[in-house]
């Protein structure tokens, strides 16, 4: 029986298993093959049908299971062999997720291509800590920047963002934290509030709150490391007090 080769790139959300769309769940349920990354919550794989092929293609502790070229070729091969391939990515696949690159690669091979947007960690992780990225009187906009480019350099947008009054959210920036602090300090922003949130929206979430001048010591004290999101701006000190979402659900 012939199969229709198809790729659906699915955003799995930031980590909390419930922060995925219904459309994302339905894509997982219909998949013949699932290629998934390290940052997804693997409990989502329980929605897959019996007999589905599960392939881990993520990065852990600096080790790649597959290089990107290999992932691209694997998508094509598995789609031609089995039909519907779901590429499951953390957060939103079109925000530093390389989802568009994978779709561009497979299209010439005749695959049908679809995308299911996900809740980006850039938005959800600060929200779970009560940090509004915009708030009247404090921030009228926000930047979302990758901390590390493909050449392993600090993004050139970070110094530009440091000159603005916007909230700045930096993904994949923990290895560049010292450089980020230096950039903001050069703009005389040593006292600007700053947060580092590790494992955001998950049960083992951990957070450090300080200022540009104190955050490195706080990170060291709390032993914060990747994966973590950095938030810089006045909104950090305007956190709202939240009751536990999990408790709110369980008490209903």
Protein backbone atom coordinates (compact mmCIF):
# COMPACT_ATOMS: atom_id res chain seq x y z
CA UNK A 1 0.00 0.00 0.00
CA UNK A 2 1.40 3.37 -0.99
CA UNK A 3 1.83 6.08 1.62
CA UNK A 4 1.47 9.82 1.36
CA UNK A 5 4.73 11.35 2.62
CA UNK A 6 3.90 14.17 4.99
CA UNK A 7 5.73 16.34 7.53
CA UNK A 8 4.03 18.18 10.37
CA UNK A 9 6.31 20.40 12.42
CA UNK A 10 4.74 20.67 15.88
CA UNK A 11 5.49 23.09 18.70
CA UNK A 12 5.40 21.13 21.97
CA UNK A 13 5.34 24.19 24.21
CA UNK A 14 7.78 25.15 26.97
CA UNK A 15 7.70 22.04 29.16
CA UNK A 16 4.45 21.80 31.09
CA UNK A 17 2.70 18.89 29.36
CA UNK A 18 -0.59 20.81 29.26
CA UNK A 19 0.91 23.76 27.38
CA UNK A 20 0.44 22.18 23.95
CA UNK A 21 -2.39 22.87 21.53
CA UNK A 22 -5.16 20.41 20.72
CA UNK A 23 -3.96 20.48 17.13
CA UNK A 24 -0.50 19.47 18.34
CA UNK A 25 -1.91 16.50 20.27
CA UNK A 26 -3.91 15.37 17.24
CA UNK A 27 -0.79 15.52 15.08
CA UNK A 28 1.08 13.32 17.58
CA UNK A 29 -1.83 10.87 17.64
CA UNK A 30 -1.82 10.56 13.84
CA UNK A 31 1.97 10.26 13.39
CA UNK A 32 3.66 7.19 11.93
CA UNK A 33 7.09 8.48 12.97
CA UNK A 34 7.98 11.10 15.60
CA UNK A 35 11.36 12.83 15.62
CA UNK A 36 11.65 14.68 18.91
CA UNK A 37 14.08 17.10 20.56
CA UNK A 38 15.66 17.17 24.02
CA UNK A 39 13.58 20.06 25.37
CA UNK A 40 10.17 18.49 24.83
CA UNK A 41 8.30 16.87 27.70
CA UNK A 42 8.57 13.18 26.81
CA UNK A 43 5.21 12.50 28.49
CA UNK A 44 3.72 13.90 25.29
CA UNK A 45 4.89 10.77 23.48
CA UNK A 46 2.22 8.82 25.39
CA UNK A 47 -0.32 10.31 22.99
CA UNK A 48 1.31 8.48 20.07
CA UNK A 49 -0.52 5.49 18.62
CA UNK A 50 0.72 1.94 19.07
CA UNK A 51 3.56 1.00 16.77
CA UNK A 52 4.76 4.53 16.05
CA UNK A 53 8.51 4.88 15.53
CA UNK A 54 10.06 7.27 18.07
CA UNK A 55 13.45 8.77 17.24
CA UNK A 56 15.36 11.11 19.55
CA UNK A 57 17.24 13.68 17.47
CA UNK A 58 18.02 16.28 20.11
CA UNK A 59 21.09 17.64 21.82
CA UNK A 60 22.09 16.82 25.37
CA UNK A 61 25.14 18.17 27.24
CA UNK A 62 26.82 19.29 24.05
CA UNK A 63 26.29 15.97 22.25
CA UNK A 64 24.19 15.83 19.11
CA UNK A 65 22.23 12.64 18.41
CA UNK A 66 22.04 13.80 14.78
CA UNK A 67 23.44 16.77 12.89
CA UNK A 68 20.85 19.00 11.20
CA UNK A 69 21.64 17.68 7.71
CA UNK A 70 21.08 14.15 8.98
CA UNK A 71 17.75 15.14 10.54
CA UNK A 72 16.59 16.68 7.26
CA UNK A 73 17.46 13.53 5.33
CA UNK A 74 15.88 11.31 8.00
CA UNK A 75 12.58 13.20 7.72
CA UNK A 76 12.46 12.57 3.98
CA UNK A 77 13.44 8.90 4.26
CA UNK A 78 10.93 8.13 7.02
CA UNK A 79 8.11 10.03 5.30
CA UNK A 80 8.68 8.12 2.06
CA UNK A 81 8.84 4.83 3.98
CA UNK A 82 6.02 5.24 6.51
CA UNK A 83 3.93 8.33 5.69
CA UNK A 84 3.28 10.95 8.36
CA UNK A 85 6.37 12.27 10.15
CA UNK A 86 5.84 14.59 13.13
CA UNK A 87 8.82 16.74 14.02
CA UNK A 88 8.23 17.59 17.68
CA UNK A 89 10.08 20.68 18.91
CA UNK A 90 10.16 22.55 22.19
CA UNK A 91 8.36 25.88 22.37
CA UNK A 92 7.37 27.21 18.96
CA UNK A 93 9.12 25.65 15.96
CA UNK A 94 9.44 28.95 14.11
CA UNK A 95 11.13 30.79 17.00
CA UNK A 96 14.77 29.66 17.00
CA UNK A 97 13.47 26.17 16.24
CA UNK A 98 14.72 25.59 12.67
CA UNK A 99 11.27 24.41 11.68
CA UNK A 100 11.26 26.56 8.55
CA UNK A 101 14.64 25.17 7.49
CA UNK A 102 13.33 21.62 7.69
CA UNK A 103 10.23 22.45 5.68
CA UNK A 104 12.36 24.18 3.04
CA UNK A 105 14.56 21.09 2.77
CA UNK A 106 11.80 18.49 2.39
CA UNK A 107 9.50 20.41 0.04
CA UNK A 108 11.43 19.54 -3.17
CA UNK A 109 11.02 15.84 -2.30
CA UNK A 110 7.25 16.12 -2.66
CA UNK A 111 6.26 15.94 1.00
CA UNK A 112 3.08 17.62 2.13
CA UNK A 113 4.11 20.11 4.81
CA UNK A 114 2.27 21.54 7.80
CA UNK A 115 3.11 23.47 10.94
CA UNK A 116 1.40 23.57 14.32
CA UNK A 117 2.50 26.66 16.28
CA UNK A 118 3.49 26.17 19.89
CA UNK A 119 3.53 28.32 23.02
CA UNK A 120 6.99 29.85 23.05
CA UNK A 121 9.09 29.55 26.18
CA UNK A 122 10.01 33.21 25.64
CA UNK A 123 6.45 34.11 26.63
CA UNK A 124 5.32 31.28 28.88
CA UNK A 125 8.33 30.93 31.18
CA UNK A 126 8.30 34.55 32.41
CA UNK A 127 4.50 34.33 32.75
CA UNK A 128 4.76 31.31 35.06
CA UNK A 129 6.96 33.48 37.31
CA UNK A 130 4.40 36.29 37.22
CA UNK A 131 6.58 38.47 34.98
CA UNK A 132 4.59 40.41 32.36
CA UNK A 133 6.79 41.16 29.36
CA UNK A 134 4.80 44.34 28.77
CA UNK A 135 3.07 46.49 31.36
CA UNK A 136 1.76 50.01 31.18
CA UNK A 137 4.25 52.41 32.65
CA UNK A 138 7.08 49.87 32.65
CA UNK A 139 7.53 48.39 29.17
CA UNK A 140 5.90 49.09 25.83
CA UNK A 141 7.68 46.33 23.89
CA UNK A 142 9.98 43.35 24.21
CA UNK A 143 12.88 41.82 22.35
CA UNK A 144 13.37 38.06 22.03
CA UNK A 145 16.98 37.30 21.14
CA UNK A 146 19.13 34.21 20.84
CA UNK A 147 22.10 34.54 23.13
CA UNK A 148 24.37 32.43 20.97
CA UNK A 149 24.55 32.58 17.18
CA UNK A 150 25.48 29.67 14.91
CA UNK A 151 29.06 30.96 15.08
CA UNK A 152 28.94 30.70 18.91
CA UNK A 153 29.09 34.48 19.30
CA UNK A 154 26.83 36.76 21.31
CA UNK A 155 24.08 38.09 19.06
CA UNK A 156 24.76 41.59 17.73
CA UNK A 157 21.16 42.44 18.66
CA UNK A 158 21.95 42.27 22.39
CA UNK A 159 23.86 45.60 22.43
CA UNK A 160 21.05 47.17 20.40
CA UNK A 161 18.44 45.87 22.83
CA UNK A 162 20.47 47.15 25.79
CA UNK A 163 20.09 50.69 24.46
CA UNK A 164 16.29 50.44 24.43
CA UNK A 165 13.73 50.68 27.21
CA UNK A 166 12.14 47.40 26.14
CA UNK A 167 12.01 44.17 28.10
CA UNK A 168 14.74 41.85 26.81
CA UNK A 169 14.27 38.07 26.75
CA UNK A 170 17.35 36.04 25.87
CA UNK A 171 17.15 32.37 24.96
CA UNK A 172 20.18 30.07 24.92
CA UNK A 173 22.20 32.74 26.69
CA UNK A 174 23.54 31.16 29.87
CA UNK A 175 26.99 30.55 28.42
CA UNK A 176 27.11 34.23 27.49
CA UNK A 177 25.81 35.59 30.80
CA UNK A 178 29.04 37.43 31.67
CA UNK A 179 29.08 39.09 28.24
CA UNK A 180 25.42 40.04 28.54
CA UNK A 181 26.02 41.64 31.95
CA UNK A 182 28.97 43.56 30.51
CA UNK A 183 26.90 44.86 27.58
CA UNK A 184 24.12 46.15 29.83
CA UNK A 185 26.60 47.58 32.33
CA UNK A 186 28.19 49.66 29.55
CA UNK A 187 24.76 51.26 29.10
CA UNK A 188 24.70 52.17 32.81
CA UNK A 189 22.00 49.59 33.51
CA UNK A 190 23.64 47.89 36.47
CA UNK A 191 20.51 48.39 38.58
CA UNK A 192 18.01 47.13 36.01
CA UNK A 193 16.11 44.09 37.35
CA UNK A 194 17.08 40.74 35.89
CA UNK A 195 15.77 37.17 36.18
CA UNK A 196 17.19 33.79 35.23
CA UNK A 197 14.59 31.01 35.04
CA UNK A 198 15.77 27.42 34.68
CA UNK A 199 13.50 24.56 33.53
CA UNK A 200 10.63 26.99 33.14
CA UNK A 201 7.03 25.67 33.57
CA UNK A 202 8.34 22.28 34.74
CA UNK A 203 8.13 20.77 38.23
CA UNK A 204 11.84 21.40 38.80
CA UNK A 205 11.65 25.06 37.77
CA UNK A 206 14.17 27.26 39.56
CA UNK A 207 14.58 31.03 39.44
CA UNK A 208 17.07 33.68 40.45
CA UNK A 209 15.99 37.33 40.70
CA UNK A 210 18.40 40.24 41.01
CA UNK A 211 19.82 43.06 38.96
CA UNK A 212 22.34 43.26 36.15
CA UNK A 213 25.09 43.81 38.72
CA UNK A 214 24.06 40.98 41.08
CA UNK A 215 22.68 38.26 38.82
CA UNK A 216 25.96 36.36 38.29
CA UNK A 217 26.44 35.87 42.02
CA UNK A 218 22.80 34.76 42.37
CA UNK A 219 23.17 32.29 39.50
CA UNK A 220 26.26 30.83 41.16
CA UNK A 221 24.59 30.69 44.57
CA UNK A 222 21.50 28.91 43.21
CA UNK A 223 23.55 26.81 40.76
CA UNK A 224 21.37 27.82 37.85
CA UNK A 225 22.32 26.47 34.44
CA UNK A 226 20.88 25.67 31.02
CA UNK A 227 18.18 25.31 29.90
CA UNK A 228 17.29 28.74 31.21
CA UNK A 229 15.74 31.99 30.02
CA UNK A 230 17.10 35.42 30.89
CA UNK A 231 14.70 38.34 31.37
CA UNK A 232 16.00 41.90 31.72
CA UNK A 233 13.81 44.92 32.42
CA UNK A 234 11.72 46.86 34.90
CA UNK A 235 8.88 44.33 34.57
CA UNK A 236 10.96 41.80 36.54
CA UNK A 237 10.38 43.75 39.75
CA UNK A 238 6.69 44.12 38.91
CA UNK A 239 5.96 40.42 39.18
CA UNK A 240 2.38 39.57 40.02
CA UNK A 241 1.67 37.05 42.76
CA UNK A 242 0.29 33.82 41.35
CA UNK A 243 -1.38 30.90 43.05
CA UNK A 244 -0.08 27.55 41.81
CA UNK A 245 -1.77 26.66 38.53
CA UNK A 246 -1.45 22.94 39.36
CA UNK A 247 -3.16 23.43 42.74
CA UNK A 248 -5.88 25.54 41.15
CA UNK A 249 -6.68 22.73 38.73
CA UNK A 250 -6.55 19.93 41.32
CA UNK A 251 -8.83 21.79 43.73
CA UNK A 252 -11.63 22.18 41.24
